[in-house]
Amino acid sequence: MVKSRISARRRPLLLGVSAALLAPALLAACGAHGSPLAAGDAAQPSATPSASTSTTPSGSGSSSIAARPTPSGVSSSPFGSPSRQTPSGAGSTAATTPPSAPATGATTPSAPGSGPSTPAGGQHTPAPATHVLAHTASGGRTVALTFDDGPGPATGQVLDLLAKYDAKATFCEIGDNAKANPAAVKRIVAEGHRLCDHTVDHPQPMHTQSHQQQVAEIADAKTQIENAAGGNAQITWWRAPGGDFTAENEKIGADQGMKSLGWSVDPRDWSRPGVQSIVNTVEQNLRPGSVVLMHDGGGDRSQTVAALKQLLPWMVAQGYTFDFPQS
């Protein structure tokens, strides 16, 4: 039998043709990398859980208030303080949060003086407040310390630290907490501090309450705080939960003889971001005339107390004196 010979010159050409014909079959059998199935698996998004807010109950004497957010930014004032800057607060969990952010679920206020509007969807947008205070009374190198959501278990520790540095502060109190802790309220007044109305039980968002509910929250809290303080305690300000000031509740407060009190520095201590985060945020954003927001109630305030131990001597070393807010 005569074997046909394939010249050496033709052999590579035939091998190449064979490989080309076999390749699709091999790929189909083995499953090619990057096939539609593989691409679909790789592109399947992983579910991202939604963020939640811790609600740690407060200590003894407070049955209605829990740790809750006070939406605001770190440095620039949500209430138009004229002397504020907007540097970033390193280590702060709030550095990128707009200071004027409304409370969770609230609508964004319209421009000052524009009046109520009804956006697409029919949800009412309240007219914003126009006279929210966020500066010290004296100006200059002064700072106004304010504490929200008390009285609570940490109030005594805060008062001890303030006394050590001869620092005065303003306590924005929950009416129910004041009623349950009259001794703490009396001590606040006796040691020369000021009182502020922070509603009966901290409703959020406040602007969604009916007019009568808002009147009750503000007026009843004032009565509760005055009764707890005894004597002729003067309550100059009120502060809306979450900074949810509107033209409506601003007028309610004014009808009760109180001005709306905002803030210009917020270390978001309610969220327990860590002692050093609280300290860094205040130190990096404090300016002459600042109103600093912190909390002595509404949950575990051990981080706030520890931060205050560092902040008070630092403020004194920086030449700050302690003042009350504008009135």
Protein backbone atom coordinates (compact mmCIF):
# COMPACT_ATOMS: atom_id res chain seq x y z
CA MET A 1 0.00 0.00 0.00
CA VAL A 2 1.28 3.36 -0.94
CA LYS A 3 0.99 5.96 1.80
CA SER A 4 0.29 9.48 0.70
CA ARG A 5 2.72 11.95 2.01
CA ILE A 6 1.96 15.46 3.15
CA SER A 7 4.75 17.79 2.47
CA ALA A 8 6.28 19.60 5.41
CA ARG A 9 5.25 22.87 3.84
CA ARG A 10 1.45 21.97 3.92
CA ARG A 11 1.38 20.32 7.37
CA PRO A 12 1.14 23.56 9.48
CA LEU A 13 -1.72 24.84 7.28
CA LEU A 14 -3.80 21.68 7.79
CA LEU A 15 -3.16 21.69 11.54
CA GLY A 16 -4.34 25.26 11.76
CA VAL A 17 -7.58 24.51 9.90
CA SER A 18 -8.26 21.53 12.18
CA ALA A 19 -7.74 23.61 15.31
CA ALA A 20 -10.11 26.26 14.05
CA LEU A 21 -12.85 23.69 13.39
CA LEU A 22 -12.42 21.98 16.78
CA ALA A 23 -12.28 25.11 18.97
CA PRO A 24 -16.03 25.88 19.12
CA ALA A 25 -16.86 22.32 20.09
CA LEU A 26 -14.26 22.34 22.88
CA LEU A 27 -15.45 25.66 24.23
CA ALA A 28 -19.07 24.53 24.26
CA ALA A 29 -18.17 21.36 26.13
CA CYS A 30 -15.97 23.05 28.80
CA GLY A 31 -17.85 26.30 29.42
CA ALA A 32 -15.94 29.33 28.30
CA HIS A 33 -14.75 31.93 30.81
CA GLY A 34 -16.93 35.00 30.45
CA SER A 35 -19.90 33.09 29.08
CA PRO A 36 -23.34 34.68 29.72
CA LEU A 37 -23.93 32.49 32.78
CA ALA A 38 -20.62 33.43 34.38
CA ALA A 39 -21.16 37.12 33.66
CA GLY A 40 -24.63 36.99 35.17
CA ASP A 41 -23.35 35.42 38.39
CA ALA A 42 -20.60 37.98 38.77
CA ALA A 43 -22.99 40.87 38.20
CA GLN A 44 -25.56 39.74 40.77
CA PRO A 45 -25.69 42.58 43.32
CA SER A 46 -25.37 41.77 47.00
CA ALA A 47 -28.14 43.08 49.21
CA THR A 48 -27.11 46.12 51.25
CA PRO A 49 -28.89 46.35 54.60
CA SER A 50 -30.44 49.69 55.37
CA ALA A 51 -28.91 51.73 58.16
CA SER A 52 -30.72 51.71 61.46
CA THR A 53 -30.55 53.97 64.49
CA SER A 54 -29.87 52.64 67.96
CA THR A 55 -32.52 53.43 70.52
CA THR A 56 -30.90 52.82 73.87
CA PRO A 57 -33.34 53.65 76.65
CA SER A 58 -32.34 56.38 79.05
CA GLY A 59 -31.54 55.80 82.66
CA SER A 60 -33.70 56.07 85.72
CA GLY A 61 -36.36 58.71 85.81
CA SER A 62 -36.83 58.89 82.06
CA SER A 63 -39.59 56.77 80.67
CA SER A 64 -40.21 58.47 77.35
CA ILE A 65 -36.88 59.52 75.86
CA ALA A 66 -34.36 57.25 74.12
CA ALA A 67 -31.11 57.84 72.27
CA ARG A 68 -32.16 59.48 69.05
CA PRO A 69 -30.52 61.45 66.26
CA THR A 70 -30.34 65.20 66.21
CA PRO A 71 -29.75 65.75 62.50
CA SER A 72 -27.30 68.53 61.83
CA GLY A 73 -23.83 69.11 60.56
CA VAL A 74 -20.62 69.55 62.42
CA SER A 75 -19.34 72.99 61.72
CA SER A 76 -21.52 75.41 59.83
CA SER A 77 -24.61 76.58 61.66
CA PRO A 78 -28.00 75.38 60.47
CA PHE A 79 -29.40 78.58 61.91
CA GLY A 80 -27.40 81.33 60.26
CA SER A 81 -24.69 82.09 62.81
CA PRO A 82 -22.65 84.92 61.20
CA SER A 83 -19.22 83.89 62.42
CA ARG A 84 -19.13 80.25 61.46
CA GLN A 85 -16.73 78.53 59.09
CA THR A 86 -17.13 75.11 57.49
CA PRO A 87 -13.88 73.16 57.94
CA SER A 88 -14.16 69.41 57.84
CA GLY A 89 -14.23 67.71 61.21
CA ALA A 90 -11.70 64.87 61.07
CA GLY A 91 -12.92 61.82 62.84
CA SER A 92 -16.46 63.06 62.95
CA THR A 93 -19.28 60.91 61.73
CA ALA A 94 -21.18 64.05 60.83
CA ALA A 95 -18.59 65.86 58.74
CA THR A 96 -20.50 65.51 55.49
CA THR A 97 -24.03 65.83 56.83
CA PRO A 98 -25.73 69.09 55.82
CA PRO A 99 -26.26 71.10 59.01
CA SER A 100 -29.76 72.06 57.98
CA ALA A 101 -30.88 68.50 57.26
CA PRO A 102 -34.43 68.05 58.51
CA ALA A 103 -35.35 65.33 60.97
CA THR A 104 -35.85 61.87 59.53
CA GLY A 105 -38.95 61.83 57.37
CA ALA A 106 -39.30 65.60 57.32
CA THR A 107 -39.68 67.57 54.15
CA THR A 108 -37.12 70.18 53.18
CA PRO A 109 -38.20 73.67 54.27
CA SER A 110 -38.89 76.21 51.57
CA ALA A 111 -36.89 79.41 51.24
CA PRO A 112 -37.38 81.95 54.06
CA GLY A 113 -40.52 83.96 53.59
CA SER A 114 -41.87 81.78 50.81
CA GLY A 115 -44.72 80.34 52.87
CA PRO A 116 -46.13 76.81 52.76
CA SER A 117 -46.07 74.89 49.52
CA THR A 118 -47.32 71.55 48.31
CA PRO A 119 -44.77 69.62 46.24
CA ALA A 120 -45.55 66.80 43.82
CA GLY A 121 -47.10 63.98 45.80
CA GLY A 122 -49.19 66.33 47.93
CA GLN A 123 -46.95 66.41 51.04
CA HIS A 124 -47.07 69.75 52.84
CA THR A 125 -43.77 71.61 53.17
CA PRO A 126 -43.80 73.91 56.20
CA ALA A 127 -42.50 77.46 56.07
CA PRO A 128 -39.11 77.59 57.84
CA ALA A 129 -38.39 79.50 61.02
CA THR A 130 -36.57 82.77 60.49
CA HIS A 131 -35.24 83.74 63.93
CA VAL A 132 -33.37 80.72 65.30
CA LEU A 133 -30.51 81.78 67.57
CA ALA A 134 -27.07 80.19 67.20
CA HIS A 135 -24.60 82.61 68.76
CA THR A 136 -23.49 83.60 72.24
CA ALA A 137 -24.98 86.64 73.95
CA SER A 138 -21.68 88.46 74.41
CA GLY A 139 -19.82 87.49 71.25
CA GLY A 140 -16.04 87.68 71.26
CA ARG A 141 -14.07 84.68 72.46
CA THR A 142 -16.99 83.06 74.22
CA VAL A 143 -18.73 79.71 73.90
CA ALA A 144 -22.20 78.61 74.95
CA LEU A 145 -22.43 74.99 76.04
CA THR A 146 -25.88 73.41 75.69
CA PHE A 147 -27.04 69.98 76.83
CA ASP A 148 -30.16 68.24 75.51
CA ASP A 149 -32.56 65.46 76.52
CA GLY A 150 -32.00 65.53 80.29
CA PRO A 151 -32.11 65.46 83.12
CA GLY A 152 -30.58 62.00 83.00
CA PRO A 153 -28.10 59.85 84.89
CA ALA A 154 -25.19 61.85 83.42
CA THR A 155 -26.51 65.28 84.46
CA GLY A 156 -24.80 65.21 87.87
CA GLN A 157 -21.43 64.33 86.31
CA VAL A 158 -21.81 67.14 83.78
CA LEU A 159 -22.63 69.60 86.55
CA ASP A 160 -19.60 68.47 88.57
CA LEU A 161 -17.29 69.12 85.60
CA LEU A 162 -18.83 72.50 84.84
CA ALA A 163 -18.38 73.56 88.48
CA LYS A 164 -14.71 72.56 88.35
CA TYR A 165 -14.05 75.03 85.54
CA ASP A 166 -16.59 77.66 86.64
CA ALA A 167 -18.40 77.09 83.35
CA LYS A 168 -22.05 77.96 82.87
CA ALA A 169 -24.31 76.06 80.47
CA THR A 170 -27.86 75.84 79.20
CA PHE A 171 -29.85 72.65 79.73
CA CYS A 172 -32.57 71.93 77.16
CA GLU A 173 -34.80 69.57 79.09
CA ILE A 174 -37.47 67.06 78.23
CA GLY A 175 -40.58 67.94 80.22
CA ASP A 176 -41.26 64.38 81.33
CA ASN A 177 -37.66 63.98 82.48
CA ALA A 178 -37.76 67.25 84.42
CA LYS A 179 -40.96 66.13 86.12
CA ALA A 180 -39.32 62.83 87.09
CA ASN A 181 -36.04 64.44 88.27
CA PRO A 182 -36.90 67.70 90.06
CA ALA A 183 -33.81 67.55 92.25
CA ALA A 184 -31.56 67.67 89.18
CA VAL A 185 -33.49 70.64 87.77
CA LYS A 186 -33.21 72.50 91.08
CA ARG A 187 -29.48 71.87 91.19
CA ILE A 188 -29.06 73.21 87.63
CA VAL A 189 -30.76 76.46 88.63
CA ALA A 190 -29.00 76.71 92.01
CA GLU A 191 -25.58 76.48 90.33
CA GLY A 192 -26.29 79.35 87.98
CA HIS A 193 -27.13 77.52 84.76
CA ARG A 194 -30.07 78.25 82.48
CA LEU A 195 -33.04 76.17 81.41
CA CYS A 196 -34.47 75.55 77.95
CA ASP A 197 -37.70 73.83 76.88
CA HIS A 198 -37.07 70.74 74.70
CA THR A 199 -40.74 69.57 74.49
CA VAL A 200 -42.63 67.07 76.61
CA ASP A 201 -41.37 63.87 74.99
CA HIS A 202 -39.21 64.76 71.97
CA PRO A 203 -41.53 64.02 69.00
CA GLN A 204 -39.80 63.61 65.64
CA PRO A 205 -40.38 65.02 63.12
CA MET A 206 -42.14 67.70 65.08
CA HIS A 207 -43.63 69.56 62.13
CA THR A 208 -45.83 66.55 61.31
CA GLN A 209 -47.69 66.99 64.60
CA SER A 210 -50.95 68.90 64.50
CA HIS A 211 -50.91 72.53 65.61
CA GLN A 212 -52.55 71.66 68.92
CA GLN A 213 -50.10 68.82 69.53
CA GLN A 214 -47.17 71.18 68.96
CA VAL A 215 -48.70 73.74 71.31
CA ALA A 216 -49.06 71.05 73.97
CA GLU A 217 -45.50 69.77 73.46
CA ILE A 218 -44.00 73.22 73.94
CA ALA A 219 -46.35 74.78 76.51
CA ASP A 220 -46.75 71.71 78.71
CA ALA A 221 -43.00 71.09 78.79
CA LYS A 222 -42.42 74.65 79.95
CA THR A 223 -44.89 74.14 82.79
CA GLN A 224 -43.28 70.81 83.75
CA ILE A 225 -39.79 72.34 83.83
CA GLU A 226 -40.93 75.39 85.79
CA ASN A 227 -42.70 73.19 88.35
CA ALA A 228 -39.64 70.97 88.72
CA ALA A 229 -37.34 73.97 89.19
CA GLY A 230 -39.61 75.63 91.72
CA GLY A 231 -39.43 79.31 92.59
CA ASN A 232 -39.28 81.73 89.70
CA ALA A 233 -37.17 79.77 87.22
CA GLN A 234 -36.88 81.63 83.93
CA ILE A 235 -37.08 79.64 80.69
CA THR A 236 -35.80 81.88 77.92
CA TRP A 237 -35.53 79.43 75.02
CA TRP A 238 -37.07 76.36 73.49
CA ARG A 239 -35.33 73.92 71.14
CA ALA A 240 -37.14 71.79 68.56
CA PRO A 241 -36.28 68.06 68.54
CA GLY A 242 -33.84 67.43 65.72
CA GLY A 243 -33.69 71.16 64.98
CA ASP A 244 -37.07 70.84 63.24
CA PHE A 245 -37.92 74.53 63.52
CA THR A 246 -40.72 75.91 61.38
CA ALA A 247 -42.47 79.28 61.23
CA GLU A 248 -45.42 77.61 62.97
CA ASN A 249 -43.62 76.20 65.98
CA GLU A 250 -41.36 79.24 66.21
CA LYS A 251 -44.50 81.34 66.77
CA ILE A 252 -45.83 78.83 69.31
CA GLY A 253 -42.61 79.20 71.29
CA ALA A 254 -42.75 82.98 70.99
CA ASP A 255 -46.34 82.96 72.26
CA GLN A 256 -44.98 81.19 75.35
CA GLY A 257 -42.34 83.90 75.80
CA MET A 258 -39.45 81.79 74.46
CA LYS A 259 -36.99 82.22 71.60
CA SER A 260 -35.88 79.39 69.30
CA LEU A 261 -32.43 78.10 70.20
CA GLY A 262 -30.30 76.36 67.59
CA TRP A 263 -26.58 75.54 67.60
CA SER A 264 -23.45 76.00 65.51
CA VAL A 265 -21.26 73.04 66.52
CA ASP A 266 -22.65 69.49 66.73
CA PRO A 267 -20.29 66.58 67.50
CA ARG A 268 -23.24 64.16 67.29
CA ASP A 269 -22.41 62.75 70.70
CA TRP A 270 -25.88 61.17 70.83
CA SER A 271 -24.61 58.57 68.33
CA ARG A 272 -21.67 57.62 70.58
CA PRO A 273 -19.04 58.02 67.82
CA GLY A 274 -16.16 57.67 70.30
CA VAL A 275 -14.68 60.10 72.82
CA GLN A 276 -11.92 61.27 70.49
CA SER A 277 -14.35 61.90 67.67
CA ILE A 278 -16.43 64.17 69.92
CA VAL A 279 -13.33 66.01 71.10
CA ASN A 280 -11.87 66.41 67.60
CA THR A 281 -15.10 67.72 66.12
CA VAL A 282 -15.55 70.40 68.78
CA GLU A 283 -11.89 71.46 68.76
CA GLN A 284 -11.71 71.73 64.98
CA ASN A 285 -14.99 73.60 64.55
CA LEU A 286 -15.23 75.85 67.59
CA ARG A 287 -15.21 79.57 66.78
CA PRO A 288 -15.73 82.66 68.93
CA GLY A 289 -19.44 82.89 69.69
CA SER A 290 -20.21 79.22 69.00
CA VAL A 291 -23.16 77.40 70.53
CA VAL A 292 -22.13 73.76 71.13
CA LEU A 293 -24.73 71.00 71.19
CA MET A 294 -24.21 67.98 73.46
CA HIS A 295 -26.46 65.66 75.49
CA ASP A 296 -26.79 64.82 79.18
CA GLY A 297 -29.82 62.57 78.69
CA GLY A 298 -31.47 60.26 76.19
CA GLY A 299 -29.16 57.27 76.60
CA ASP A 300 -25.64 56.31 77.61
CA ARG A 301 -23.71 59.59 77.88
CA SER A 302 -20.42 58.25 79.23
CA GLN A 303 -18.63 59.31 76.03
CA THR A 304 -19.98 62.84 76.37
CA VAL A 305 -18.77 63.07 79.97
CA ALA A 306 -15.32 61.73 79.04
CA ALA A 307 -15.08 64.18 76.13
CA LEU A 308 -16.13 67.08 78.34
CA LYS A 309 -13.26 66.24 80.70
CA GLN A 310 -10.89 67.01 77.82
CA LEU A 311 -12.80 69.86 76.21
CA LEU A 312 -13.30 72.10 79.23
CA PRO A 313 -9.59 72.55 80.08
CA TRP A 314 -8.79 72.88 76.36
CA MET A 315 -11.34 75.69 75.97
CA VAL A 316 -9.92 77.51 78.97
CA ALA A 317 -6.37 77.11 77.59
CA GLN A 318 -7.56 78.55 74.26
CA GLY A 319 -8.79 81.67 76.03
CA TYR A 320 -12.52 80.97 75.83
CA THR A 321 -14.93 82.07 78.51
CA PHE A 322 -18.37 80.58 79.01
CA ASP A 323 -21.52 82.44 78.10
CA PHE A 324 -25.22 81.85 77.51
CA PRO A 325 -26.88 82.00 74.09
CA GLN A 326 -28.47 85.14 72.68
CA SER A 327 -31.80 85.98 74.24
